[in-house]
Amino acid sequence: MPSSCKDIRAALAECLQYSDCVLIERNTPADCMKEPLVNTLPTRCMQLRRGYTECKRGMVDMRKRFRGNQPVALSKELEGGSGSSQLYAGRPAYGTVKGTDGKDDEK
């Protein structure tokens, strides 16, 4: 496991240990990660859980093995980006098409 996944895993374990689900309701961290109780976790724990699953998925995905996992700050959900992420020579691969008036042959 890459060191980045270990760091996220340790942060997730610490977040779960100090959550209300474990401290007040006396559930195990494994039970807090399952469906009925996962909605009661703090936002930070939910973000760490998602980051950990993305890191583990990146280890299996063959396309990401060479490129590596994308940093969290570049994810489309956080930035709200909706455009194409493909780049060709520093520009978007699918740019806008200019309209013509049909008089290009006369020029």
C-alpha atoms as a PDB file:
ATOM      1  CA  MET A   1       0.000   0.000   0.000  1.00  0.00           C
ATOM      2  CA  PRO A   2       1.446   3.412  -0.923  1.00  0.00           C
ATOM      3  CA  SER A   3       2.321   5.731   1.920  1.00  0.00           C
ATOM      4  CA  SER A   4      -0.437   8.157   0.884  1.00  0.00           C
ATOM      5  CA  CYS A   5      -3.082   5.475   1.438  1.00  0.00           C
ATOM      6  CA  LYS A   6      -1.569   4.638   4.821  1.00  0.00           C
ATOM      7  CA  ASP A   7      -1.722   8.286   5.835  1.00  0.00           C
ATOM      8  CA  ILE A   8      -5.372   8.567   4.832  1.00  0.00           C
ATOM      9  CA  ARG A   9      -6.176   5.291   6.564  1.00  0.00           C
ATOM     10  CA  ALA A  10      -4.567   6.485   9.816  1.00  0.00           C
ATOM     11  CA  ALA A  11      -6.417   9.807   9.624  1.00  0.00           C
ATOM     12  CA  LEU A  12      -9.700   7.976   8.998  1.00  0.00           C
ATOM     13  CA  ALA A  13      -9.121   5.674  11.976  1.00  0.00           C
ATOM     14  CA  GLU A  14      -8.384   8.647  14.215  1.00  0.00           C
ATOM     15  CA  CYS A  15     -11.460  10.497  12.996  1.00  0.00           C
ATOM     16  CA  LEU A  16     -13.631   7.442  13.665  1.00  0.00           C
ATOM     17  CA  GLN A  17     -12.210   7.017  17.185  1.00  0.00           C
ATOM     18  CA  TYR A  18     -13.220  10.555  18.131  1.00  0.00           C
ATOM     19  CA  SER A  19     -16.622  10.540  16.427  1.00  0.00           C
ATOM     20  CA  ASP A  20     -19.916  10.485  18.340  1.00  0.00           C
ATOM     21  CA  CYS A  21     -20.733   7.127  16.794  1.00  0.00           C
ATOM     22  CA  VAL A  22     -17.856   5.487  18.696  1.00  0.00           C
ATOM     23  CA  LEU A  23     -17.559   7.659  21.807  1.00  0.00           C
ATOM     24  CA  ILE A  24     -21.199   8.274  22.730  1.00  0.00           C
ATOM     25  CA  GLU A  25     -23.154   5.486  21.030  1.00  0.00           C
ATOM     26  CA  ARG A  26     -20.430   2.880  21.786  1.00  0.00           C
ATOM     27  CA  ASN A  27     -20.393   1.308  18.309  1.00  0.00           C
ATOM     28  CA  THR A  28     -17.274  -0.220  16.817  1.00  0.00           C
ATOM     29  CA  PRO A  29     -15.524   1.753  14.041  1.00  0.00           C
ATOM     30  CA  ALA A  30     -16.388  -1.049  11.611  1.00  0.00           C
ATOM     31  CA  ASP A  31     -20.077  -0.714  12.477  1.00  0.00           C
ATOM     32  CA  CYS A  32     -19.899   3.061  12.032  1.00  0.00           C
ATOM     33  CA  MET A  33     -18.617   2.547   8.470  1.00  0.00           C
ATOM     34  CA  LYS A  34     -21.680   0.473   7.510  1.00  0.00           C
ATOM     35  CA  GLU A  35     -24.844   1.869   5.965  1.00  0.00           C
ATOM     36  CA  PRO A  36     -27.260   2.772   8.755  1.00  0.00           C
ATOM     37  CA  LEU A  37     -24.616   4.519  10.871  1.00  0.00           C
ATOM     38  CA  VAL A  38     -22.415   5.973   8.135  1.00  0.00           C
ATOM     39  CA  ASN A  39     -24.801   8.913   7.726  1.00  0.00           C
ATOM     40  CA  THR A  40     -24.184   9.977  11.345  1.00  0.00           C
ATOM     41  CA  LEU A  41     -20.432  10.480  10.825  1.00  0.00           C
ATOM     42  CA  PRO A  42     -18.950  14.001  10.685  1.00  0.00           C
ATOM     43  CA  THR A  43     -18.193  15.532   7.297  1.00  0.00           C
ATOM     44  CA  ARG A  44     -14.436  15.179   7.812  1.00  0.00           C
ATOM     45  CA  CYS A  45     -14.766  11.413   8.350  1.00  0.00           C
ATOM     46  CA  MET A  46     -16.939  11.103   5.249  1.00  0.00           C
ATOM     47  CA  GLN A  47     -14.329  12.974   3.202  1.00  0.00           C
ATOM     48  CA  LEU A  48     -11.528  10.781   4.538  1.00  0.00           C
ATOM     49  CA  ARG A  49     -13.566   7.658   3.786  1.00  0.00           C
ATOM     50  CA  ARG A  50     -14.105   8.768   0.203  1.00  0.00           C
ATOM     51  CA  GLY A  51     -10.438   9.708  -0.170  1.00  0.00           C
ATOM     52  CA  TYR A  52      -9.352   6.314   1.129  1.00  0.00           C
ATOM     53  CA  THR A  53     -11.621   4.436  -1.278  1.00  0.00           C
ATOM     54  CA  GLU A  54     -10.377   6.572  -4.196  1.00  0.00           C
ATOM     55  CA  CYS A  55      -6.776   5.855  -3.186  1.00  0.00           C
ATOM     56  CA  LYS A  56      -7.413   2.111  -3.024  1.00  0.00           C
ATOM     57  CA  ARG A  57      -9.262   2.210  -6.352  1.00  0.00           C
ATOM     58  CA  GLY A  58      -6.330   4.057  -7.900  1.00  0.00           C
ATOM     59  CA  MET A  59      -4.039   1.194  -6.940  1.00  0.00           C
ATOM     60  CA  VAL A  60      -6.149  -1.254  -8.945  1.00  0.00           C
ATOM     61  CA  ASP A  61      -7.017   0.960 -11.929  1.00  0.00           C
ATOM     62  CA  MET A  62      -4.450   0.219 -14.636  1.00  0.00           C
ATOM     63  CA  ARG A  63      -4.769   3.688 -16.184  1.00  0.00           C
ATOM     64  CA  LYS A  64      -3.791   5.347 -12.923  1.00  0.00           C
ATOM     65  CA  ARG A  65      -0.895   3.028 -12.140  1.00  0.00           C
ATOM     66  CA  PHE A  66       1.440   4.995 -14.379  1.00  0.00           C
ATOM     67  CA  ARG A  67      -0.064   8.456 -13.869  1.00  0.00           C
ATOM     68  CA  GLY A  68      -0.688   8.108 -10.148  1.00  0.00           C
ATOM     69  CA  ASN A  69      -3.697   9.234  -8.172  1.00  0.00           C
ATOM     70  CA  GLN A  70      -4.969  12.703  -8.912  1.00  0.00           C
ATOM     71  CA  PRO A  71      -4.572  15.136  -5.993  1.00  0.00           C
ATOM     72  CA  VAL A  72      -7.727  15.860  -4.043  1.00  0.00           C
ATOM     73  CA  ALA A  73      -7.625  19.566  -4.939  1.00  0.00           C
ATOM     74  CA  LEU A  74      -7.991  18.740  -8.629  1.00  0.00           C
ATOM     75  CA  SER A  75     -11.157  16.707  -8.312  1.00  0.00           C
ATOM     76  CA  LYS A  76     -14.106  18.025 -10.299  1.00  0.00           C
ATOM     77  CA  GLU A  77     -16.487  17.859  -7.348  1.00  0.00           C
ATOM     78  CA  LEU A  78     -14.467  20.299  -5.245  1.00  0.00           C
ATOM     79  CA  GLU A  79     -13.747  22.787  -8.023  1.00  0.00           C
ATOM     80  CA  GLY A  80     -17.156  22.523  -9.637  1.00  0.00           C
ATOM     81  CA  GLY A  81     -15.625  22.081 -13.064  1.00  0.00           C
ATOM     82  CA  SER A  82     -17.879  20.826 -15.798  1.00  0.00           C
ATOM     83  CA  GLY A  83     -15.654  21.002 -18.856  1.00  0.00           C
ATOM     84  CA  SER A  84     -13.687  18.315 -20.603  1.00  0.00           C
ATOM     85  CA  SER A  85     -10.535  17.263 -18.807  1.00  0.00           C
ATOM     86  CA  GLN A  86      -8.742  16.088 -21.949  1.00  0.00           C
ATOM     87  CA  LEU A  87      -5.913  18.329 -23.028  1.00  0.00           C
ATOM     88  CA  TYR A  88      -4.023  18.524 -26.291  1.00  0.00           C
ATOM     89  CA  ALA A  89      -1.021  20.872 -26.427  1.00  0.00           C
ATOM     90  CA  GLY A  90      -2.324  22.786 -23.416  1.00  0.00           C
ATOM     91  CA  ARG A  91      -5.778  23.433 -24.885  1.00  0.00           C
ATOM     92  CA  PRO A  92      -9.036  21.530 -24.470  1.00  0.00           C
ATOM     93  CA  ALA A  93      -9.338  18.688 -26.947  1.00  0.00           C
ATOM     94  CA  TYR A  94     -12.887  19.631 -27.881  1.00  0.00           C
ATOM     95  CA  GLY A  95     -13.073  23.389 -28.285  1.00  0.00           C
ATOM     96  CA  THR A  96     -15.964  25.417 -29.542  1.00  0.00           C
ATOM     97  CA  VAL A  97     -16.599  25.434 -33.284  1.00  0.00           C
ATOM     98  CA  LYS A  98     -16.754  28.839 -34.937  1.00  0.00           C
ATOM     99  CA  GLY A  99     -19.856  29.546 -36.936  1.00  0.00           C
ATOM    100  CA  THR A 100     -19.697  30.635 -40.560  1.00  0.00           C
ATOM    101  CA  ASP A 101     -21.960  32.855 -42.582  1.00  0.00           C
ATOM    102  CA  GLY A 102     -21.563  30.754 -45.753  1.00  0.00           C
ATOM    103  CA  LYS A 103     -19.535  33.424 -47.607  1.00  0.00           C
ATOM    104  CA  ASP A 104     -16.104  31.916 -46.951  1.00  0.00           C
ATOM    105  CA  ASP A 105     -15.797  30.756 -50.595  1.00  0.00           C
ATOM    106  CA  GLU A 106     -16.032  34.322 -51.913  1.00  0.00           C
ATOM    107  CA  LYS A 107     -13.041  35.593 -49.900  1.00  0.00           C
END
